[in-house]
Amino acid sequence: MDTESPLLSFIKSSLPKMRDPEPFLERLQGLGVEDLEDLTYLQESDLLSVLRPIEARKLLSLLQKTSMPTRCLGQSSKQPEQPTVQQSQYQYKSSITV
């Protein structure tokens, strides 16, 4: 009994009206997608040869909403900036009174 790949499962759940997801899966693999995280690197232009524009936008929108990393979809994850050693030294020196 074959288990379905996570990519194929994601495609089927994301685009349930797609009759045959295999060509789309092959296209993704041809682009270099090897796992679910690689999907975050997709751009709409990558998808238009196999999906209709609205399908491509739906898929990209879903990818942005999932818990997958969004750094590759043009969204930076805003993390608090850690002070560098130079910044810390400057702050220390500026607080010393002579």
PDB file of N, CA and C in Angstrom:
ATOM      1  N   MET A   1       0.836  -1.178   0.000  1.00  0.00           N
ATOM      2  CA  MET A   1       0.000   0.000   0.000  1.00  0.00           C
ATOM      3  C   MET A   1       0.885   1.248   0.000  1.00  0.00           C
ATOM      4  N   ASP A   2       0.771   2.084  -1.020  1.00  0.00           N
ATOM      5  CA  ASP A   2       1.571   3.292  -1.137  1.00  0.00           C
ATOM      6  C   ASP A   2       0.987   4.391  -0.271  1.00  0.00           C
ATOM      7  N   THR A   3       1.874   5.109   0.375  1.00  0.00           N
ATOM      8  CA  THR A   3       1.419   6.286   1.107  1.00  0.00           C
ATOM      9  C   THR A   3       1.572   7.496   0.205  1.00  0.00           C
ATOM     10  N   GLU A   4       0.622   8.384   0.314  1.00  0.00           N
ATOM     11  CA  GLU A   4       0.620   9.584  -0.511  1.00  0.00           C
ATOM     12  C   GLU A   4       1.663  10.565   0.018  1.00  0.00           C
ATOM     13  N   SER A   5       2.388  11.191  -0.882  1.00  0.00           N
ATOM     14  CA  SER A   5       3.414  12.149  -0.455  1.00  0.00           C
ATOM     15  C   SER A   5       2.749  13.365   0.190  1.00  0.00           C
ATOM     16  N   PRO A   6       3.450  13.998   1.132  1.00  0.00           N
ATOM     17  CA  PRO A   6       2.895  15.204   1.750  1.00  0.00           C
ATOM     18  C   PRO A   6       2.588  16.296   0.721  1.00  0.00           C
ATOM     19  N   LEU A   7       3.415  16.397  -0.322  1.00  0.00           N
ATOM     20  CA  LEU A   7       3.154  17.387  -1.370  1.00  0.00           C
ATOM     21  C   LEU A   7       1.833  17.112  -2.076  1.00  0.00           C
ATOM     22  N   LEU A   8       1.620  15.860  -2.438  1.00  0.00           N
ATOM     23  CA  LEU A   8       0.386  15.498  -3.133  1.00  0.00           C
ATOM     24  C   LEU A   8      -0.822  15.721  -2.226  1.00  0.00           C
ATOM     25  N   SER A   9      -0.694  15.374  -0.963  1.00  0.00           N
ATOM     26  CA  SER A   9      -1.784  15.616  -0.007  1.00  0.00           C
ATOM     27  C   SER A   9      -2.099  17.099   0.101  1.00  0.00           C
ATOM     28  N   PHE A  10      -1.054  17.917   0.140  1.00  0.00           N
ATOM     29  CA  PHE A  10      -1.256  19.364   0.239  1.00  0.00           C
ATOM     30  C   PHE A  10      -1.958  19.896  -1.006  1.00  0.00           C
ATOM     31  N   ILE A  11      -1.531  19.439  -2.162  1.00  0.00           N
ATOM     32  CA  ILE A  11      -2.144  19.886  -3.416  1.00  0.00           C
ATOM     33  C   ILE A  11      -3.624  19.519  -3.430  1.00  0.00           C
ATOM     34  N   LYS A  12      -3.920  18.284  -3.066  1.00  0.00           N
ATOM     35  CA  LYS A  12      -5.320  17.826  -3.076  1.00  0.00           C
ATOM     36  C   LYS A  12      -6.179  18.603  -2.094  1.00  0.00           C
ATOM     37  N   SER A  13      -5.625  18.903  -0.928  1.00  0.00           N
ATOM     38  CA  SER A  13      -6.421  19.638   0.055  1.00  0.00           C
ATOM     39  C   SER A  13      -6.524  21.122  -0.286  1.00  0.00           C
ATOM     40  N   SER A  14      -5.505  21.660  -0.939  1.00  0.00           N
ATOM     41  CA  SER A  14      -5.502  23.086  -1.285  1.00  0.00           C
ATOM     42  C   SER A  14      -6.351  23.397  -2.506  1.00  0.00           C
ATOM     43  N   LEU A  15      -6.326  22.490  -3.462  1.00  0.00           N
ATOM     44  CA  LEU A  15      -7.073  22.674  -4.711  1.00  0.00           C
ATOM     45  C   LEU A  15      -7.969  21.453  -4.931  1.00  0.00           C
ATOM     46  N   PRO A  16      -9.016  21.315  -4.116  1.00  0.00           N
ATOM     47  CA  PRO A  16      -9.849  20.110  -4.166  1.00  0.00           C
ATOM     48  C   PRO A  16     -10.577  19.898  -5.497  1.00  0.00           C
ATOM     49  N   LYS A  17     -10.747  20.959  -6.271  1.00  0.00           N
ATOM     50  CA  LYS A  17     -11.451  20.814  -7.549  1.00  0.00           C
ATOM     51  C   LYS A  17     -10.534  20.362  -8.679  1.00  0.00           C
ATOM     52  N   MET A  18      -9.253  20.278  -8.418  1.00  0.00           N
ATOM     53  CA  MET A  18      -8.306  19.841  -9.443  1.00  0.00           C
ATOM     54  C   MET A  18      -8.533  18.345  -9.700  1.00  0.00           C
ATOM     55  N   ARG A  19      -8.841  18.022 -10.940  1.00  0.00           N
ATOM     56  CA  ARG A  19      -9.166  16.633 -11.288  1.00  0.00           C
ATOM     57  C   ARG A  19      -7.963  15.706 -11.172  1.00  0.00           C
ATOM     58  N   ASP A  20      -6.846  16.095 -11.752  1.00  0.00           N
ATOM     59  CA  ASP A  20      -5.659  15.254 -11.742  1.00  0.00           C
ATOM     60  C   ASP A  20      -4.464  16.080 -11.272  1.00  0.00           C
ATOM     61  N   PRO A  21      -4.101  15.951 -10.000  1.00  0.00           N
ATOM     62  CA  PRO A  21      -3.010  16.766  -9.469  1.00  0.00           C
ATOM     63  C   PRO A  21      -1.610  16.276  -9.872  1.00  0.00           C
ATOM     64  N   GLU A  22      -1.505  15.111 -10.478  1.00  0.00           N
ATOM     65  CA  GLU A  22      -0.190  14.556 -10.825  1.00  0.00           C
ATOM     66  C   GLU A  22       0.629  15.471 -11.749  1.00  0.00           C
ATOM     67  N   PRO A  23       0.058  16.016 -12.837  1.00  0.00           N
ATOM     68  CA  PRO A  23       0.852  16.924 -13.683  1.00  0.00           C
ATOM     69  C   PRO A  23       1.357  18.150 -12.919  1.00  0.00           C
ATOM     70  N   PHE A  24       0.524  18.651 -12.013  1.00  0.00           N
ATOM     71  CA  PHE A  24       0.926  19.800 -11.210  1.00  0.00           C
ATOM     72  C   PHE A  24       2.065  19.413 -10.270  1.00  0.00           C
ATOM     73  N   LEU A  25       1.955  18.237  -9.653  1.00  0.00           N
ATOM     74  CA  LEU A  25       3.019  17.750  -8.784  1.00  0.00           C
ATOM     75  C   LEU A  25       4.322  17.596  -9.569  1.00  0.00           C
ATOM     76  N   GLU A  26       4.228  17.057 -10.767  1.00  0.00           N
ATOM     77  CA  GLU A  26       5.414  16.907 -11.615  1.00  0.00           C
ATOM     78  C   GLU A  26       6.018  18.265 -11.964  1.00  0.00           C
ATOM     79  N   ARG A  27       5.174  19.251 -12.226  1.00  0.00           N
ATOM     80  CA  ARG A  27       5.652  20.608 -12.530  1.00  0.00           C
ATOM     81  C   ARG A  27       6.394  21.195 -11.329  1.00  0.00           C
ATOM     82  N   LEU A  28       5.813  21.009 -10.139  1.00  0.00           N
ATOM     83  CA  LEU A  28       6.467  21.503  -8.934  1.00  0.00           C
ATOM     84  C   LEU A  28       7.830  20.848  -8.741  1.00  0.00           C
ATOM     85  N   GLN A  29       7.866  19.544  -8.936  1.00  0.00           N
ATOM     86  CA  GLN A  29       9.130  18.823  -8.794  1.00  0.00           C
ATOM     87  C   GLN A  29      10.133  19.286  -9.855  1.00  0.00           C
ATOM     88  N   GLY A  30       9.645  19.594 -11.039  1.00  0.00           N
ATOM     89  CA  GLY A  30      10.502  20.116 -12.096  1.00  0.00           C
ATOM     90  C   GLY A  30      11.086  21.480 -11.755  1.00  0.00           C
ATOM     91  N   LEU A  31      10.372  22.231 -10.929  1.00  0.00           N
ATOM     92  CA  LEU A  31      10.850  23.539 -10.475  1.00  0.00           C
ATOM     93  C   LEU A  31      11.843  23.406  -9.321  1.00  0.00           C
ATOM     94  N   GLY A  32      11.931  22.199  -8.772  1.00  0.00           N
ATOM     95  CA  GLY A  32      12.860  21.981  -7.664  1.00  0.00           C
ATOM     96  C   GLY A  32      12.203  21.810  -6.310  1.00  0.00           C
ATOM     97  N   VAL A  33      10.870  21.780  -6.281  1.00  0.00           N
ATOM     98  CA  VAL A  33      10.165  21.587  -5.015  1.00  0.00           C
ATOM     99  C   VAL A  33      10.341  20.132  -4.585  1.00  0.00           C
ATOM    100  N   GLU A  34      10.934  19.963  -3.421  1.00  0.00           N
ATOM    101  CA  GLU A  34      11.167  18.620  -2.905  1.00  0.00           C
ATOM    102  C   GLU A  34      10.335  18.314  -1.674  1.00  0.00           C
ATOM    103  N   ASP A  35       9.946  19.350  -0.939  1.00  0.00           N
ATOM    104  CA  ASP A  35       9.136  19.146   0.254  1.00  0.00           C
ATOM    105  C   ASP A  35       8.203  20.339   0.458  1.00  0.00           C
ATOM    106  N   LEU A  36       7.396  20.274   1.494  1.00  0.00           N
ATOM    107  CA  LEU A  36       6.401  21.316   1.723  1.00  0.00           C
ATOM    108  C   LEU A  36       7.037  22.690   1.956  1.00  0.00           C
ATOM    109  N   GLU A  37       8.158  22.743   2.618  1.00  0.00           N
ATOM    110  CA  GLU A  37       8.799  24.033   2.876  1.00  0.00           C
ATOM    111  C   GLU A  37       9.228  24.713   1.576  1.00  0.00           C
ATOM    112  N   ASP A  38       9.591  23.922   0.574  1.00  0.00           N
ATOM    113  CA  ASP A  38       9.997  24.494  -0.716  1.00  0.00           C
ATOM    114  C   ASP A  38       8.862  25.253  -1.391  1.00  0.00           C
ATOM    115  N   LEU A  39       7.625  24.956  -1.028  1.00  0.00           N
ATOM    116  CA  LEU A  39       6.480  25.651  -1.626  1.00  0.00           C
ATOM    117  C   LEU A  39       6.517  27.142  -1.320  1.00  0.00           C
ATOM    118  N   THR A  40       7.152  27.510  -0.227  1.00  0.00           N
ATOM    119  CA  THR A  40       7.197  28.929   0.145  1.00  0.00           C
ATOM    120  C   THR A  40       8.022  29.758  -0.829  1.00  0.00           C
ATOM    121  N   TYR A  41       8.810  29.098  -1.658  1.00  0.00           N
ATOM    122  CA  TYR A  41       9.637  29.813  -2.630  1.00  0.00           C
ATOM    123  C   TYR A  41       8.906  30.055  -3.951  1.00  0.00           C
ATOM    124  N   LEU A  42       7.718  29.520  -4.088  1.00  0.00           N
ATOM    125  CA  LEU A  42       6.979  29.654  -5.342  1.00  0.00           C
ATOM    126  C   LEU A  42       6.522  31.084  -5.571  1.00  0.00           C
ATOM    127  N   GLN A  43       6.473  31.443  -6.839  1.00  0.00           N
ATOM    128  CA  GLN A  43       5.904  32.722  -7.254  1.00  0.00           C
ATOM    129  C   GLN A  43       4.764  32.416  -8.222  1.00  0.00           C
ATOM    130  N   GLU A  44       3.873  33.355  -8.370  1.00  0.00           N
ATOM    131  CA  GLU A  44       2.714  33.142  -9.233  1.00  0.00           C
ATOM    132  C   GLU A  44       3.136  32.742 -10.646  1.00  0.00           C
ATOM    133  N   SER A  45       4.173  33.360 -11.160  1.00  0.00           N
ATOM    134  CA  SER A  45       4.623  33.047 -12.525  1.00  0.00           C
ATOM    135  C   SER A  45       5.075  31.592 -12.660  1.00  0.00           C
ATOM    136  N   ASP A  46       5.530  30.988 -11.574  1.00  0.00           N
ATOM    137  CA  ASP A  46       5.926  29.574 -11.605  1.00  0.00           C
ATOM    138  C   ASP A  46       4.726  28.662 -11.827  1.00  0.00           C
ATOM    139  N   LEU A  47       3.573  29.115 -11.411  1.00  0.00           N
ATOM    140  CA  LEU A  47       2.391  28.260 -11.399  1.00  0.00           C
ATOM    141  C   LEU A  47       1.496  28.420 -12.621  1.00  0.00           C
ATOM    142  N   LEU A  48       1.648  29.515 -13.349  1.00  0.00           N
ATOM    143  CA  LEU A  48       0.699  29.840 -14.412  1.00  0.00           C
ATOM    144  C   LEU A  48       0.748  28.897 -15.613  1.00  0.00           C
ATOM    145  N   SER A  49       1.810  28.128 -15.746  1.00  0.00           N
ATOM    146  CA  SER A  49       1.851  27.185 -16.865  1.00  0.00           C
ATOM    147  C   SER A  49       0.980  25.948 -16.595  1.00  0.00           C
ATOM    148  N   VAL A  50       0.596  25.750 -15.330  1.00  0.00           N
ATOM    149  CA  VAL A  50      -0.226  24.582 -15.001  1.00  0.00           C
ATOM    150  C   VAL A  50      -1.534  24.930 -14.308  1.00  0.00           C
ATOM    151  N   LEU A  51      -1.597  26.103 -13.714  1.00  0.00           N
ATOM    152  CA  LEU A  51      -2.813  26.518 -13.018  1.00  0.00           C
ATOM    153  C   LEU A  51      -3.401  27.755 -13.681  1.00  0.00           C
ATOM    154  N   ARG A  52      -4.701  27.905 -13.518  1.00  0.00           N
ATOM    155  CA  ARG A  52      -5.334  29.141 -13.937  1.00  0.00           C
ATOM    156  C   ARG A  52      -4.955  30.232 -12.932  1.00  0.00           C
ATOM    157  N   PRO A  53      -4.972  31.492 -13.337  1.00  0.00           N
ATOM    158  CA  PRO A  53      -4.515  32.566 -12.444  1.00  0.00           C
ATOM    159  C   PRO A  53      -5.156  32.560 -11.055  1.00  0.00           C
ATOM    160  N   ILE A  54      -6.455  32.346 -10.995  1.00  0.00           N
ATOM    161  CA  ILE A  54      -7.140  32.356  -9.690  1.00  0.00           C
ATOM    162  C   ILE A  54      -6.692  31.178  -8.839  1.00  0.00           C
ATOM    163  N   GLU A  55      -6.498  30.011  -9.451  1.00  0.00           N
ATOM    164  CA  GLU A  55      -6.008  28.846  -8.704  1.00  0.00           C
ATOM    165  C   GLU A  55      -4.619  29.138  -8.131  1.00  0.00           C
ATOM    166  N   ALA A  56      -3.771  29.742  -8.944  1.00  0.00           N
ATOM    167  CA  ALA A  56      -2.419  30.073  -8.493  1.00  0.00           C
ATOM    168  C   ALA A  56      -2.478  31.044  -7.316  1.00  0.00           C
ATOM    169  N   ARG A  57      -3.333  32.049  -7.402  1.00  0.00           N
ATOM    170  CA  ARG A  57      -3.447  33.029  -6.323  1.00  0.00           C
ATOM    171  C   ARG A  57      -4.012  32.398  -5.058  1.00  0.00           C
ATOM    172  N   LYS A  58      -4.981  31.498  -5.219  1.00  0.00           N
ATOM    173  CA  LYS A  58      -5.542  30.796  -4.061  1.00  0.00           C
ATOM    174  C   LYS A  58      -4.463  29.985  -3.349  1.00  0.00           C
ATOM    175  N   LEU A  59      -3.679  29.274  -4.134  1.00  0.00           N
ATOM    176  CA  LEU A  59      -2.624  28.447  -3.557  1.00  0.00           C
ATOM    177  C   LEU A  59      -1.599  29.315  -2.824  1.00  0.00           C
ATOM    178  N   LEU A  60      -1.162  30.393  -3.447  1.00  0.00           N
ATOM    179  CA  LEU A  60      -0.193  31.277  -2.808  1.00  0.00           C
ATOM    180  C   LEU A  60      -0.770  31.927  -1.552  1.00  0.00           C
ATOM    181  N   SER A  61      -2.032  32.283  -1.599  1.00  0.00           N
ATOM    182  CA  SER A  61      -2.684  32.864  -0.438  1.00  0.00           C
ATOM    183  C   SER A  61      -2.735  31.856   0.710  1.00  0.00           C
ATOM    184  N   LEU A  62      -3.062  30.634   0.379  1.00  0.00           N
ATOM    185  CA  LEU A  62      -3.109  29.587   1.392  1.00  0.00           C
ATOM    186  C   LEU A  62      -1.726  29.350   1.989  1.00  0.00           C
ATOM    187  N   LEU A  63      -0.714  29.373   1.161  1.00  0.00           N
ATOM    188  CA  LEU A  63       0.654  29.190   1.651  1.00  0.00           C
ATOM    189  C   LEU A  63       1.044  30.300   2.627  1.00  0.00           C
ATOM    190  N   GLN A  64       0.598  31.515   2.346  1.00  0.00           N
ATOM    191  CA  GLN A  64       0.909  32.643   3.227  1.00  0.00           C
ATOM    192  C   GLN A  64       0.203  32.503   4.567  1.00  0.00           C
ATOM    193  N   LYS A  65      -0.983  31.889   4.577  1.00  0.00           N
ATOM    194  CA  LYS A  65      -1.778  31.784   5.795  1.00  0.00           C
ATOM    195  C   LYS A  65      -1.381  30.600   6.665  1.00  0.00           C
ATOM    196  N   THR A  66      -0.692  29.635   6.089  1.00  0.00           N
ATOM    197  CA  THR A  66      -0.319  28.463   6.867  1.00  0.00           C
ATOM    198  C   THR A  66       0.826  28.784   7.799  1.00  0.00           C
ATOM    199  N   SER A  67       1.199  27.828   8.562  1.00  0.00           N
ATOM    200  CA  SER A  67       2.294  28.036   9.508  1.00  0.00           C
ATOM    201  C   SER A  67       3.654  27.875   8.854  1.00  0.00           C
ATOM    202  N   MET A  68       3.688  27.692   7.541  1.00  0.00           N
ATOM    203  CA  MET A  68       4.959  27.572   6.850  1.00  0.00           C
ATOM    204  C   MET A  68       5.709  28.888   6.938  1.00  0.00           C
ATOM    205  N   PRO A  69       7.020  28.834   6.881  1.00  0.00           N
ATOM    206  CA  PRO A  69       7.791  30.078   6.923  1.00  0.00           C
ATOM    207  C   PRO A  69       7.354  31.028   5.821  1.00  0.00           C
ATOM    208  N   THR A  70       7.214  32.301   6.174  1.00  0.00           N
ATOM    209  CA  THR A  70       6.761  33.279   5.190  1.00  0.00           C
ATOM    210  C   THR A  70       7.899  34.132   4.679  1.00  0.00           C
ATOM    211  N   ARG A  71       9.096  33.884   5.139  1.00  0.00           N
ATOM    212  CA  ARG A  71      10.215  34.715   4.734  1.00  0.00           C
ATOM    213  C   ARG A  71      10.438  34.687   3.243  1.00  0.00           C
ATOM    214  N   CYS A  72      10.039  33.616   2.595  1.00  0.00           N
ATOM    215  CA  CYS A  72      10.318  33.478   1.178  1.00  0.00           C
ATOM    216  C   CYS A  72       9.186  34.009   0.315  1.00  0.00           C
ATOM    217  N   LEU A  73       8.110  34.395   0.930  1.00  0.00           N
ATOM    218  CA  LEU A  73       6.987  34.920   0.162  1.00  0.00           C
ATOM    219  C   LEU A  73       6.966  36.441   0.200  1.00  0.00           C
ATOM    220  N   GLY A  74       8.112  37.013   0.461  1.00  0.00           N
ATOM    221  CA  GLY A  74       8.201  38.465   0.470  1.00  0.00           C
ATOM    222  C   GLY A  74       7.799  39.077   1.788  1.00  0.00           C
ATOM    223  N   GLN A  75       7.547  38.259   2.794  1.00  0.00           N
ATOM    224  CA  GLN A  75       7.177  38.755   4.096  1.00  0.00           C
ATOM    225  C   GLN A  75       8.321  38.444   5.040  1.00  0.00           C
ATOM    226  N   SER A  76       8.828  39.421   5.710  1.00  0.00           N
ATOM    227  CA  SER A  76       9.902  39.142   6.649  1.00  0.00           C
ATOM    228  C   SER A  76       9.282  38.880   8.007  1.00  0.00           C
ATOM    229  N   SER A  77       9.794  37.901   8.683  1.00  0.00           N
ATOM    230  CA  SER A  77       9.309  37.651  10.030  1.00  0.00           C
ATOM    231  C   SER A  77      10.027  38.638  10.937  1.00  0.00           C
ATOM    232  N   LYS A  78       9.273  39.522  11.526  1.00  0.00           N
ATOM    233  CA  LYS A  78       9.859  40.583  12.347  1.00  0.00           C
ATOM    234  C   LYS A  78      10.246  39.998  13.700  1.00  0.00           C
ATOM    235  N   GLN A  79      11.530  39.838  13.892  1.00  0.00           N
ATOM    236  CA  GLN A  79      12.029  39.378  15.170  1.00  0.00           C
ATOM    237  C   GLN A  79      12.730  40.550  15.829  1.00  0.00           C
ATOM    238  N   PRO A  80      12.673  40.588  17.146  1.00  0.00           N
ATOM    239  CA  PRO A  80      13.365  41.692  17.812  1.00  0.00           C
ATOM    240  C   PRO A  80      14.842  41.661  17.464  1.00  0.00           C
ATOM    241  N   GLU A  81      15.353  42.825  17.186  1.00  0.00           N
ATOM    242  CA  GLU A  81      16.756  42.923  16.802  1.00  0.00           C
ATOM    243  C   GLU A  81      17.625  42.807  18.043  1.00  0.00           C
ATOM    244  N   GLN A  82      18.596  41.930  17.979  1.00  0.00           N
ATOM    245  CA  GLN A  82      19.529  41.756  19.073  1.00  0.00           C
ATOM    246  C   GLN A  82      20.627  42.812  18.948  1.00  0.00           C
ATOM    247  N   PRO A  83      20.969  43.474  20.035  1.00  0.00           N
ATOM    248  CA  PRO A  83      22.030  44.475  19.930  1.00  0.00           C
ATOM    249  C   PRO A  83      23.350  43.805  19.598  1.00  0.00           C
ATOM    250  N   THR A  84      24.105  44.455  18.767  1.00  0.00           N
ATOM    251  CA  THR A  84      25.417  43.926  18.430  1.00  0.00           C
ATOM    252  C   THR A  84      26.395  44.297  19.528  1.00  0.00           C
ATOM    253  N   VAL A  85      27.550  43.696  19.519  1.00  0.00           N
ATOM    254  CA  VAL A  85      28.570  43.993  20.519  1.00  0.00           C
ATOM    255  C   VAL A  85      28.933  45.470  20.467  1.00  0.00           C
ATOM    256  N   GLN A  86      29.068  46.024  19.261  1.00  0.00           N
ATOM    257  CA  GLN A  86      29.420  47.432  19.136  1.00  0.00           C
ATOM    258  C   GLN A  86      28.346  48.327  19.737  1.00  0.00           C
ATOM    259  N   GLN A  87      27.067  48.002  19.484  1.00  0.00           N
ATOM    260  CA  GLN A  87      25.989  48.804  20.048  1.00  0.00           C
ATOM    261  C   GLN A  87      26.031  48.752  21.566  1.00  0.00           C
ATOM    262  N   SER A  88      26.244  47.567  22.124  1.00  0.00           N
ATOM    263  CA  SER A  88      26.278  47.414  23.571  1.00  0.00           C
ATOM    264  C   SER A  88      27.434  48.182  24.172  1.00  0.00           C
ATOM    265  N   GLN A  89      28.600  48.141  23.537  1.00  0.00           N
ATOM    266  CA  GLN A  89      29.755  48.864  24.042  1.00  0.00           C
ATOM    267  C   GLN A  89      29.503  50.364  23.993  1.00  0.00           C
ATOM    268  N   TYR A  90      28.879  50.815  22.916  1.00  0.00           N
ATOM    269  CA  TYR A  90      28.598  52.250  22.783  1.00  0.00           C
ATOM    270  C   TYR A  90      27.650  52.690  23.887  1.00  0.00           C
ATOM    271  N   GLN A  91      26.609  51.894  24.119  1.00  0.00           N
ATOM    272  CA  GLN A  91      25.654  52.251  25.153  1.00  0.00           C
ATOM    273  C   GLN A  91      26.333  52.266  26.512  1.00  0.00           C
ATOM    274  N   TYR A  92      27.240  51.323  26.746  1.00  0.00           N
ATOM    275  CA  TYR A  92      27.955  51.258  28.018  1.00  0.00           C
ATOM    276  C   TYR A  92      28.848  52.477  28.191  1.00  0.00           C
ATOM    277  N   LYS A  93      29.612  52.800  27.142  1.00  0.00           N
ATOM    278  CA  LYS A  93      30.528  53.940  27.215  1.00  0.00           C
ATOM    279  C   LYS A  93      29.771  55.245  27.386  1.00  0.00           C
ATOM    280  N   SER A  94      28.636  55.370  26.722  1.00  0.00           N
ATOM    281  CA  SER A  94      27.905  56.635  26.795  1.00  0.00           C
ATOM    282  C   SER A  94      27.247  56.822  28.152  1.00  0.00           C
ATOM    283  N   SER A  95      27.108  55.766  28.930  1.00  0.00           N
ATOM    284  CA  SER A  95      26.477  55.915  30.232  1.00  0.00           C
ATOM    285  C   SER A  95      27.482  56.194  31.349  1.00  0.00           C
ATOM    286  N   ILE A  96      28.782  56.124  31.003  1.00  0.00           N
ATOM    287  CA  ILE A  96      29.825  56.399  32.003  1.00  0.00           C
ATOM    288  C   ILE A  96      30.036  57.907  32.077  1.00  0.00           C
ATOM    289  N   THR A  97      30.031  58.425  33.288  1.00  0.00           N
ATOM    290  CA  THR A  97      30.307  59.849  33.466  1.00  0.00           C
ATOM    291  C   THR A  97      31.696  60.008  34.064  1.00  0.00           C
ATOM    292  N   VAL A  98      32.384  61.000  33.609  1.00  0.00           N
ATOM    293  CA  VAL A  98      33.756  61.221  34.072  1.00  0.00           C
ATOM    294  C   VAL A  98      33.804  62.394  35.009  1.00  0.00           C
TER     295      VAL A  98
END
